[in-house]
Amino acid sequence: NLAETYEDVSSGSNTNRPGFEEMSKRLEGNGFSAVVVTKLDRFSRSILDSATFIKGLLEKDKALISISENVDTGSIQGRMFFNLLMVIAENEREVINSRMQAGRDELLRQNKLPSSYVYGYTRTKSGDLTVVAGEAKVIKEMFHLYLDLESLGAVSRVLKERGYRTRQDKSFSRQTIQNLLRQPLYCGKPMKWRDETFKTNAEKLVS
């Protein structure tokens, strides 16, 4: 019998997912003997995250069961099989990330921009950057807030209070805010990507 059901639409590459976080809060309570997933790579593709999670389950006398792979960590053999599958899942994640990065690098070599790289803009079919009104509003407020508050943490808290989220539907962290504030593109200068800069025709958002 399923006590609760949790769903996530985002990648299993990390545990920063609403459904996963909500489910994790229930681990301290009683009333269930196992966490059941349809497939392991939907649970997690990180060996470290998986090992930490499984350790916490075992300490509470609970197990992880995967339907597709027929894995039950309640047994010694099940835990061994689980560990092998997680090594494969993490390798697949790294291969996918490598291919995606290669694709982004090729676009940049052609002086084209990845469509979703810069918050506040989107890339048209012709390769030009056009302003996303709602995101541009957040960027402008972010700059003004930092000038007033002079604290990344304070800016993060205010943005969260105002209900602003990233494209990945996450709260703006200190690091994300810092990266955005350091992006020259917003004030009409060449876009910064790693250690390189690229000229664009993007409309500037701040002075």
Protein backbone atom coordinates (compact mmCIF):
# COMPACT_ATOMS: atom_id res chain seq x y z
CA ASN A 1 0.00 0.00 0.00
CA LEU A 2 1.35 3.41 -1.01
CA ALA A 3 1.20 5.87 1.88
CA GLU A 4 2.08 8.93 -0.22
CA THR A 5 2.92 9.68 -3.86
CA TYR A 6 5.43 12.33 -4.95
CA GLU A 7 6.26 13.49 -8.47
CA ASP A 8 9.02 15.54 -10.12
CA VAL A 9 9.31 16.71 -13.71
CA SER A 10 12.92 17.89 -13.41
CA SER A 11 16.12 15.88 -13.92
CA GLY A 12 17.39 13.33 -11.44
CA SER A 13 20.87 14.87 -11.68
CA ASN A 14 20.39 16.45 -8.24
CA THR A 15 18.07 16.27 -5.24
CA ASN A 16 17.03 19.93 -5.38
CA ARG A 17 13.52 19.01 -6.58
CA PRO A 18 10.20 19.93 -4.91
CA GLY A 19 8.80 16.39 -4.85
CA PHE A 20 12.06 14.85 -3.66
CA GLU A 21 12.48 17.44 -0.91
CA GLU A 22 8.89 16.99 0.28
CA MET A 23 9.32 13.21 0.32
CA SER A 24 12.60 13.53 2.24
CA LYS A 25 10.84 15.44 5.02
CA ARG A 26 8.68 12.36 5.65
CA LEU A 27 11.66 10.05 6.17
CA GLU A 28 11.82 10.88 9.86
CA GLY A 29 8.27 9.70 10.40
CA ASN A 30 6.85 6.21 10.69
CA GLY A 31 4.06 4.58 8.74
CA PHE A 32 6.08 3.26 5.79
CA SER A 33 8.77 0.67 5.24
CA ALA A 34 10.22 1.66 1.87
CA VAL A 35 10.53 4.34 -0.78
CA VAL A 36 9.35 3.00 -4.15
CA VAL A 37 10.49 4.46 -7.50
CA THR A 38 9.55 3.47 -11.04
CA LYS A 39 13.16 3.75 -12.26
CA LEU A 40 16.44 4.49 -10.51
CA ASP A 41 17.59 7.30 -12.80
CA ARG A 42 14.39 9.18 -11.96
CA PHE A 43 15.35 8.90 -8.31
CA SER A 44 18.94 10.15 -8.72
CA ARG A 45 21.91 10.01 -11.09
CA SER A 46 24.43 11.07 -8.48
CA ILE A 47 26.38 8.38 -6.64
CA LEU A 48 27.02 10.69 -3.68
CA ASP A 49 23.38 11.78 -3.36
CA SER A 50 22.18 8.18 -3.67
CA ALA A 51 24.65 6.81 -1.12
CA THR A 52 23.70 9.51 1.39
CA PHE A 53 19.99 8.90 0.88
CA ILE A 54 20.27 5.10 1.13
CA LYS A 55 22.41 5.40 4.26
CA GLY A 56 19.67 7.49 5.86
CA LEU A 57 17.03 4.94 4.89
CA LEU A 58 19.00 1.99 6.25
CA GLU A 59 19.57 3.80 9.55
CA LYS A 60 15.78 4.10 9.84
CA ASP A 61 15.28 0.43 8.94
CA LYS A 62 13.72 1.33 5.60
CA ALA A 63 14.56 0.35 2.01
CA LEU A 64 14.54 1.73 -1.52
CA ILE A 65 12.67 -0.35 -4.10
CA SER A 66 12.92 0.21 -7.87
CA ILE A 67 10.23 -1.43 -9.97
CA SER A 68 11.95 -1.31 -13.39
CA GLU A 69 15.29 -2.69 -12.22
CA ASN A 70 13.76 -5.03 -9.62
CA VAL A 71 16.04 -3.65 -6.89
CA ASP A 72 15.34 -3.83 -3.17
CA THR A 73 18.04 -2.37 -0.91
CA GLY A 74 16.55 -4.25 2.01
CA SER A 75 18.87 -7.13 1.06
CA ILE A 76 22.67 -7.31 0.72
CA GLN A 77 22.42 -8.40 -2.93
CA GLY A 78 19.93 -5.63 -3.61
CA ARG A 79 22.28 -2.98 -2.22
CA MET A 80 25.17 -4.31 -4.33
CA PHE A 81 23.06 -4.25 -7.50
CA PHE A 82 21.82 -0.76 -6.64
CA ASN A 83 25.40 0.55 -6.31
CA LEU A 84 26.35 -0.91 -9.70
CA LEU A 85 23.36 0.67 -11.41
CA MET A 86 24.08 4.07 -9.85
CA VAL A 87 27.64 4.01 -11.27
CA ILE A 88 26.13 3.41 -14.73
CA ALA A 89 23.51 6.15 -14.26
CA GLU A 90 26.10 8.74 -13.22
CA ASN A 91 28.29 7.84 -16.20
CA GLU A 92 25.31 8.35 -18.53
CA ARG A 93 24.66 11.74 -16.97
CA GLU A 94 28.28 12.81 -17.54
CA VAL A 95 28.17 11.64 -21.17
CA ILE A 96 24.95 13.60 -21.79
CA ASN A 97 26.38 16.73 -20.14
CA SER A 98 29.54 16.43 -22.22
CA ARG A 99 27.55 16.25 -25.46
CA MET A 100 25.38 19.21 -24.48
CA GLN A 101 28.46 21.25 -23.58
CA ALA A 102 30.08 20.41 -26.92
CA GLY A 103 26.93 21.65 -28.68
CA ARG A 104 26.96 24.93 -26.72
CA ASP A 105 30.66 25.44 -27.43
CA GLU A 106 30.08 24.96 -31.16
CA LEU A 107 27.33 27.59 -31.14
CA LEU A 108 29.66 30.03 -29.42
CA ARG A 109 32.45 29.36 -31.93
CA GLN A 110 29.95 30.45 -34.60
CA ASN A 111 29.26 33.54 -32.46
CA LYS A 112 25.78 32.21 -31.72
CA LEU A 113 24.32 31.97 -28.23
CA PRO A 114 22.66 29.02 -26.48
CA SER A 115 18.95 29.85 -26.45
CA SER A 116 18.47 29.70 -22.69
CA TYR A 117 21.85 30.82 -21.39
CA VAL A 118 21.14 34.45 -20.44
CA TYR A 119 18.27 35.14 -18.07
CA GLY A 120 16.35 38.13 -19.41
CA TYR A 121 16.71 37.25 -23.09
CA THR A 122 15.74 34.58 -25.56
CA ARG A 123 17.37 33.74 -28.89
CA THR A 124 15.38 34.07 -32.11
CA LYS A 125 15.70 31.72 -35.08
CA SER A 126 18.07 34.22 -36.70
CA GLY A 127 20.35 34.06 -33.65
CA ASP A 128 19.49 37.51 -32.29
CA LEU A 129 18.73 38.11 -28.63
CA THR A 130 15.35 39.56 -27.75
CA VAL A 131 14.20 40.75 -24.32
CA VAL A 132 11.89 38.59 -22.18
CA ALA A 133 9.80 41.26 -20.44
CA GLY A 134 9.09 39.40 -17.19
CA GLU A 135 12.71 38.31 -16.72
CA ALA A 136 14.04 41.76 -17.67
CA LYS A 137 11.89 43.22 -14.87
CA VAL A 138 13.53 40.85 -12.38
CA ILE A 139 17.04 41.76 -13.60
CA LYS A 140 16.36 45.49 -13.21
CA GLU A 141 14.98 44.99 -9.70
CA MET A 142 17.97 42.80 -8.84
CA PHE A 143 20.44 45.54 -9.75
CA HIS A 144 18.50 48.20 -7.85
CA LEU A 145 18.16 45.96 -4.81
CA TYR A 146 21.88 45.27 -4.71
CA LEU A 147 22.67 48.98 -4.92
CA ASP A 148 20.34 49.61 -1.98
CA LEU A 149 21.10 46.56 0.19
CA GLU A 150 24.74 45.79 -0.77
CA SER A 151 24.17 42.15 0.21
CA LEU A 152 23.64 39.12 -2.02
CA GLY A 153 21.82 37.31 0.79
CA ALA A 154 19.45 40.21 1.36
CA VAL A 155 18.72 40.46 -2.37
CA SER A 156 18.04 36.71 -2.48
CA ARG A 157 15.55 36.99 0.39
CA VAL A 158 13.67 39.91 -1.18
CA LEU A 159 13.44 38.19 -4.57
CA LYS A 160 12.05 35.09 -2.84
CA GLU A 161 9.50 37.19 -0.95
CA ARG A 162 8.38 38.71 -4.25
CA GLY A 163 7.92 35.24 -5.72
CA TYR A 164 10.59 35.50 -8.40
CA ARG A 165 12.04 32.22 -9.72
CA THR A 166 14.75 31.16 -12.19
CA ARG A 167 13.94 29.39 -15.46
CA GLN A 168 14.51 26.13 -13.62
CA ASP A 169 11.80 27.20 -11.15
CA LYS A 170 14.28 27.64 -8.30
CA SER A 171 14.86 30.50 -5.88
CA PHE A 172 17.65 32.91 -6.84
CA SER A 173 20.69 31.83 -4.81
CA ARG A 174 23.54 34.16 -3.82
CA GLN A 175 25.79 32.60 -6.48
CA THR A 176 23.18 32.97 -9.22
CA ILE A 177 22.58 36.60 -8.31
CA GLN A 178 26.32 37.29 -8.27
CA ASN A 179 26.74 35.72 -11.72
CA LEU A 180 23.90 37.80 -13.14
CA LEU A 181 25.16 41.05 -11.62
CA ARG A 182 28.56 40.40 -13.22
CA GLN A 183 27.11 39.84 -16.71
CA PRO A 184 28.21 42.82 -18.89
CA LEU A 185 25.48 42.08 -21.46
CA TYR A 186 22.83 43.72 -19.29
CA CYS A 187 24.44 47.14 -19.66
CA GLY A 188 24.98 46.87 -23.42
CA LYS A 189 28.49 45.44 -23.43
CA PRO A 190 29.71 42.16 -25.01
CA MET A 191 28.33 39.05 -23.37
CA LYS A 192 30.67 37.18 -21.04
CA TRP A 193 30.91 33.38 -21.41
CA ARG A 194 33.57 31.74 -19.24
CA ASP A 195 36.78 33.63 -20.09
CA GLU A 196 35.56 34.94 -23.45
CA THR A 197 33.31 37.76 -24.63
CA PHE A 198 30.89 37.84 -27.56
CA LYS A 199 29.34 40.83 -29.26
CA THR A 200 25.55 40.85 -29.52
CA ASN A 201 22.83 43.24 -30.66
CA ALA A 202 20.89 42.76 -27.42
CA GLU A 203 18.98 45.67 -25.91
CA LYS A 204 20.57 46.76 -22.63
CA LEU A 205 18.50 46.46 -19.48
CA VAL A 206 20.45 48.69 -17.06
CA SER A 207 22.64 51.75 -17.36
